[in-house]
Amino acid sequence: MRFIQTHSMGSDCTAPYDIVDYQAKTAVEFINEMLQQCKSEWGDIEVWANNKPLDYKHINYKRGELLEEIPDAWQYKEVTKVIASGGWGNMDYRIYVKA
């Protein structure tokens, strides 16, 4: 999994990223892969389909652990793209899936 910075860093020392070269096929697989590889991070995870949040929900994670249950609606959704935004340990992820 690699992070490609897509814009310059903001005044708050955060930047947006495209996430590429991940092995996951589904949203849950991506979440598990990210938690394994980014154990010092904390933030939010959202799953989007049709340009809106799926179930209008986000979940929090911290240091390789989910702080909430993954919604059932996310379980088998196929990932099409992943973006992230953050810096200094805080990284928020948006996972785009097929509807």
N, C-alpha and C. Protein backbone atom coordinates (compact mmCIF):
# COMPACT_ATOMS: atom_id res chain seq x y z
N MET A 1 0.85 -1.16 0.00
CA MET A 1 0.00 0.00 0.00
C MET A 1 0.91 1.23 0.00
N ARG A 2 0.64 2.14 -0.95
CA ARG A 2 1.44 3.36 -1.05
C ARG A 2 0.54 4.59 -1.04
N PHE A 3 1.07 5.68 -0.51
CA PHE A 3 0.39 6.96 -0.45
C PHE A 3 1.02 7.88 -1.48
N ILE A 4 0.20 8.45 -2.37
CA ILE A 4 0.68 9.41 -3.35
C ILE A 4 0.02 10.75 -3.03
N GLN A 5 0.82 11.72 -2.62
CA GLN A 5 0.30 13.04 -2.26
C GLN A 5 -0.25 13.70 -3.52
N THR A 6 -1.50 14.19 -3.45
CA THR A 6 -2.16 14.74 -4.63
C THR A 6 -2.19 16.27 -4.67
N HIS A 7 -1.96 16.93 -3.55
CA HIS A 7 -1.91 18.38 -3.48
C HIS A 7 -0.88 18.77 -2.43
N SER A 8 -0.55 20.05 -2.40
CA SER A 8 0.44 20.50 -1.43
C SER A 8 -0.11 20.43 -0.01
N MET A 9 0.81 20.42 0.94
CA MET A 9 0.44 20.37 2.35
C MET A 9 -0.22 21.69 2.75
N GLY A 10 -1.26 21.59 3.56
CA GLY A 10 -1.97 22.77 4.02
C GLY A 10 -1.28 23.41 5.22
N SER A 11 -1.82 24.53 5.67
CA SER A 11 -1.24 25.23 6.81
C SER A 11 -1.34 24.42 8.10
N ASP A 12 -2.24 23.43 8.14
CA ASP A 12 -2.37 22.56 9.31
C ASP A 12 -1.48 21.32 9.21
N CYS A 13 -0.57 21.32 8.24
CA CYS A 13 0.39 20.22 8.03
C CYS A 13 -0.27 18.91 7.63
N THR A 14 -1.44 19.00 6.99
CA THR A 14 -2.08 17.81 6.45
C THR A 14 -2.08 17.90 4.93
N ALA A 15 -2.24 16.77 4.29
CA ALA A 15 -2.26 16.72 2.83
C ALA A 15 -3.20 15.60 2.38
N PRO A 16 -3.73 15.72 1.16
CA PRO A 16 -4.56 14.65 0.60
C PRO A 16 -3.70 13.64 -0.16
N TYR A 17 -4.16 12.41 -0.20
CA TYR A 17 -3.42 11.32 -0.84
C TYR A 17 -4.35 10.41 -1.62
N ASP A 18 -3.84 9.86 -2.71
CA ASP A 18 -4.45 8.69 -3.35
C ASP A 18 -3.72 7.49 -2.77
N ILE A 19 -4.48 6.45 -2.45
CA ILE A 19 -3.89 5.22 -1.93
C ILE A 19 -3.87 4.21 -3.08
N VAL A 20 -2.69 3.66 -3.37
CA VAL A 20 -2.53 2.72 -4.47
C VAL A 20 -1.76 1.49 -4.00
N ASP A 21 -1.73 0.49 -4.84
CA ASP A 21 -0.96 -0.74 -4.60
C ASP A 21 -1.38 -1.49 -3.34
N TYR A 22 -2.66 -1.45 -3.01
CA TYR A 22 -3.15 -2.26 -1.90
C TYR A 22 -3.63 -3.59 -2.45
N GLN A 23 -3.68 -4.59 -1.61
CA GLN A 23 -4.06 -5.94 -2.02
C GLN A 23 -5.56 -6.20 -1.89
N ALA A 24 -6.23 -5.43 -1.09
CA ALA A 24 -7.64 -5.65 -0.77
C ALA A 24 -8.56 -5.56 -1.98
N LYS A 25 -9.59 -6.36 -1.96
CA LYS A 25 -10.64 -6.31 -2.99
C LYS A 25 -11.93 -5.73 -2.43
N THR A 26 -12.18 -5.89 -1.13
CA THR A 26 -13.41 -5.39 -0.52
C THR A 26 -13.07 -4.32 0.51
N ALA A 27 -14.09 -3.56 0.92
CA ALA A 27 -13.89 -2.50 1.90
C ALA A 27 -13.33 -3.06 3.21
N VAL A 28 -13.86 -4.16 3.68
CA VAL A 28 -13.39 -4.75 4.93
C VAL A 28 -11.95 -5.24 4.79
N GLU A 29 -11.62 -5.84 3.66
CA GLU A 29 -10.23 -6.26 3.44
C GLU A 29 -9.29 -5.06 3.46
N PHE A 30 -9.71 -3.94 2.84
CA PHE A 30 -8.86 -2.75 2.86
C PHE A 30 -8.68 -2.25 4.28
N ILE A 31 -9.75 -2.17 5.04
CA ILE A 31 -9.66 -1.71 6.43
C ILE A 31 -8.67 -2.57 7.20
N ASN A 32 -8.77 -3.87 7.07
CA ASN A 32 -7.85 -4.77 7.77
C ASN A 32 -6.41 -4.57 7.32
N GLU A 33 -6.19 -4.40 6.02
CA GLU A 33 -4.85 -4.17 5.49
C GLU A 33 -4.28 -2.86 6.02
N MET A 34 -5.09 -1.81 6.01
CA MET A 34 -4.65 -0.51 6.52
C MET A 34 -4.31 -0.59 8.00
N LEU A 35 -5.15 -1.25 8.79
CA LEU A 35 -4.89 -1.36 10.22
C LEU A 35 -3.57 -2.09 10.50
N GLN A 36 -3.25 -3.08 9.68
CA GLN A 36 -2.00 -3.82 9.85
C GLN A 36 -0.78 -2.98 9.49
N GLN A 37 -0.90 -2.16 8.45
CA GLN A 37 0.25 -1.43 7.94
C GLN A 37 0.43 -0.05 8.56
N CYS A 38 -0.59 0.49 9.16
CA CYS A 38 -0.53 1.87 9.68
C CYS A 38 -0.86 1.89 11.17
N LYS A 39 -0.11 1.15 11.94
CA LYS A 39 -0.43 0.94 13.35
C LYS A 39 -0.24 2.15 14.25
N SER A 40 0.43 3.19 13.78
CA SER A 40 0.60 4.37 14.63
C SER A 40 -0.42 5.47 14.33
N GLU A 41 -1.32 5.22 13.39
CA GLU A 41 -2.31 6.23 12.98
C GLU A 41 -3.58 6.16 13.81
N TRP A 42 -4.35 7.22 13.70
CA TRP A 42 -5.71 7.26 14.24
C TRP A 42 -6.54 8.14 13.31
N GLY A 43 -7.85 7.93 13.30
CA GLY A 43 -8.70 8.74 12.44
C GLY A 43 -10.04 8.11 12.17
N ASP A 44 -10.65 8.54 11.06
CA ASP A 44 -11.97 8.07 10.64
C ASP A 44 -11.87 7.31 9.33
N ILE A 45 -12.82 6.40 9.13
CA ILE A 45 -12.95 5.65 7.87
C ILE A 45 -14.39 5.81 7.40
N GLU A 46 -14.53 6.16 6.13
CA GLU A 46 -15.84 6.24 5.50
C GLU A 46 -15.85 5.35 4.27
N VAL A 47 -17.01 4.81 3.94
CA VAL A 47 -17.19 4.06 2.69
C VAL A 47 -18.25 4.80 1.89
N TRP A 48 -17.92 5.08 0.63
CA TRP A 48 -18.82 5.83 -0.25
C TRP A 48 -19.21 5.00 -1.46
N ALA A 49 -20.49 5.15 -1.85
CA ALA A 49 -21.01 4.56 -3.09
C ALA A 49 -21.93 5.59 -3.72
N ASN A 50 -21.90 5.71 -5.03
CA ASN A 50 -22.74 6.68 -5.75
C ASN A 50 -22.55 8.10 -5.22
N ASN A 51 -21.31 8.48 -4.95
CA ASN A 51 -20.96 9.84 -4.51
C ASN A 51 -21.61 10.28 -3.20
N LYS A 52 -21.92 9.34 -2.33
CA LYS A 52 -22.41 9.68 -1.00
C LYS A 52 -21.98 8.59 -0.02
N PRO A 53 -21.92 8.94 1.25
CA PRO A 53 -21.50 7.94 2.25
C PRO A 53 -22.48 6.77 2.30
N LEU A 54 -21.95 5.58 2.33
CA LEU A 54 -22.77 4.38 2.45
C LEU A 54 -23.25 4.29 3.90
N ASP A 55 -24.52 4.20 4.10
CA ASP A 55 -25.13 4.15 5.44
C ASP A 55 -24.94 5.45 6.22
N TYR A 56 -24.39 6.50 5.57
CA TYR A 56 -24.14 7.77 6.23
C TYR A 56 -23.44 7.58 7.58
N LYS A 57 -22.43 6.75 7.58
CA LYS A 57 -21.73 6.40 8.82
C LYS A 57 -20.24 6.43 8.59
N HIS A 58 -19.49 6.75 9.62
CA HIS A 58 -18.04 6.57 9.61
C HIS A 58 -17.67 5.82 10.89
N ILE A 59 -16.51 5.19 10.85
CA ILE A 59 -16.03 4.52 12.05
C ILE A 59 -14.65 5.06 12.39
N ASN A 60 -14.30 5.00 13.65
CA ASN A 60 -13.03 5.48 14.15
C ASN A 60 -12.06 4.33 14.38
N TYR A 61 -10.79 4.63 14.23
CA TYR A 61 -9.75 3.64 14.53
C TYR A 61 -8.61 4.35 15.24
N LYS A 62 -7.82 3.56 15.95
CA LYS A 62 -6.66 4.13 16.64
C LYS A 62 -5.63 3.03 16.85
N ARG A 63 -4.42 3.28 16.37
CA ARG A 63 -3.27 2.39 16.56
C ARG A 63 -3.56 0.93 16.24
N GLY A 64 -4.10 0.72 15.04
CA GLY A 64 -4.33 -0.64 14.56
C GLY A 64 -5.59 -1.31 15.06
N GLU A 65 -6.43 -0.57 15.77
CA GLU A 65 -7.66 -1.14 16.33
C GLU A 65 -8.87 -0.31 15.91
N LEU A 66 -9.94 -0.99 15.55
CA LEU A 66 -11.21 -0.30 15.29
C LEU A 66 -11.86 0.04 16.62
N LEU A 67 -12.42 1.22 16.73
CA LEU A 67 -13.10 1.64 17.95
C LEU A 67 -14.61 1.42 17.86
N GLU A 68 -15.06 0.98 16.68
CA GLU A 68 -16.48 0.71 16.45
C GLU A 68 -16.60 -0.51 15.55
N GLU A 69 -17.78 -1.08 15.51
CA GLU A 69 -18.07 -2.20 14.62
C GLU A 69 -18.17 -1.73 13.17
N ILE A 70 -17.73 -2.57 12.25
CA ILE A 70 -17.90 -2.28 10.83
C ILE A 70 -19.36 -2.53 10.47
N PRO A 71 -20.03 -1.56 9.85
CA PRO A 71 -21.43 -1.76 9.46
C PRO A 71 -21.59 -2.93 8.49
N ASP A 72 -22.67 -3.67 8.63
CA ASP A 72 -22.93 -4.81 7.75
C ASP A 72 -22.94 -4.40 6.28
N ALA A 73 -23.43 -3.20 5.98
CA ALA A 73 -23.53 -2.74 4.59
C ALA A 73 -22.16 -2.62 3.92
N TRP A 74 -21.08 -2.56 4.69
CA TRP A 74 -19.73 -2.43 4.14
C TRP A 74 -19.08 -3.77 3.83
N GLN A 75 -19.62 -4.84 4.35
CA GLN A 75 -18.92 -6.13 4.39
C GLN A 75 -18.33 -6.60 3.07
N TYR A 76 -19.10 -6.64 2.02
CA TYR A 76 -18.62 -7.26 0.77
C TYR A 76 -18.56 -6.28 -0.39
N LYS A 77 -18.50 -5.00 -0.11
CA LYS A 77 -18.47 -3.99 -1.16
C LYS A 77 -17.10 -3.97 -1.82
N GLU A 78 -17.10 -4.00 -3.15
CA GLU A 78 -15.86 -4.03 -3.93
C GLU A 78 -15.25 -2.63 -4.04
N VAL A 79 -13.99 -2.52 -3.65
CA VAL A 79 -13.27 -1.24 -3.66
C VAL A 79 -12.95 -0.82 -5.09
N THR A 80 -13.20 0.46 -5.40
CA THR A 80 -12.82 1.01 -6.70
C THR A 80 -11.72 2.05 -6.57
N LYS A 81 -11.64 2.71 -5.42
CA LYS A 81 -10.65 3.77 -5.21
C LYS A 81 -10.57 4.07 -3.72
N VAL A 82 -9.39 4.48 -3.26
CA VAL A 82 -9.23 4.90 -1.86
C VAL A 82 -8.45 6.21 -1.84
N ILE A 83 -8.94 7.15 -1.04
CA ILE A 83 -8.21 8.40 -0.82
C ILE A 83 -8.05 8.57 0.69
N ALA A 84 -7.12 9.43 1.06
CA ALA A 84 -6.89 9.72 2.48
C ALA A 84 -6.49 11.17 2.62
N SER A 85 -6.60 11.66 3.84
CA SER A 85 -6.18 13.02 4.14
C SER A 85 -5.71 13.06 5.58
N GLY A 86 -4.55 13.69 5.77
CA GLY A 86 -4.08 13.81 7.14
C GLY A 86 -2.61 14.09 7.22
N GLY A 87 -2.10 13.91 8.42
CA GLY A 87 -0.70 14.12 8.72
C GLY A 87 -0.48 14.06 10.22
N TRP A 88 0.76 13.93 10.64
CA TRP A 88 1.11 13.88 12.06
C TRP A 88 0.36 12.78 12.81
N GLY A 89 0.16 11.63 12.20
CA GLY A 89 -0.49 10.50 12.87
C GLY A 89 -1.97 10.40 12.65
N ASN A 90 -2.63 11.51 12.34
CA ASN A 90 -4.06 11.47 12.05
C ASN A 90 -4.25 11.28 10.55
N MET A 91 -4.97 10.22 10.16
CA MET A 91 -5.24 9.98 8.75
C MET A 91 -6.67 9.48 8.61
N ASP A 92 -7.44 10.21 7.82
CA ASP A 92 -8.82 9.83 7.54
C ASP A 92 -8.88 9.20 6.15
N TYR A 93 -9.63 8.12 6.04
CA TYR A 93 -9.72 7.37 4.79
C TYR A 93 -11.15 7.43 4.25
N ARG A 94 -11.25 7.53 2.92
CA ARG A 94 -12.53 7.39 2.23
C ARG A 94 -12.36 6.29 1.21
N ILE A 95 -13.13 5.23 1.37
CA ILE A 95 -13.09 4.07 0.48
C ILE A 95 -14.28 4.15 -0.45
N TYR A 96 -14.01 4.22 -1.76
CA TYR A 96 -15.09 4.22 -2.75
C TYR A 96 -15.34 2.79 -3.20
N VAL A 97 -16.61 2.42 -3.27
CA VAL A 97 -16.98 1.05 -3.63
C VAL A 97 -18.03 1.06 -4.73
N LYS A 98 -18.16 -0.10 -5.39
CA LYS A 98 -19.25 -0.27 -6.35
C LYS A 98 -20.56 -0.33 -5.59
N ALA A 99 -21.59 0.30 -6.14
CA ALA A 99 -22.90 0.34 -5.48
C ALA A 99 -23.56 -1.01 -5.49
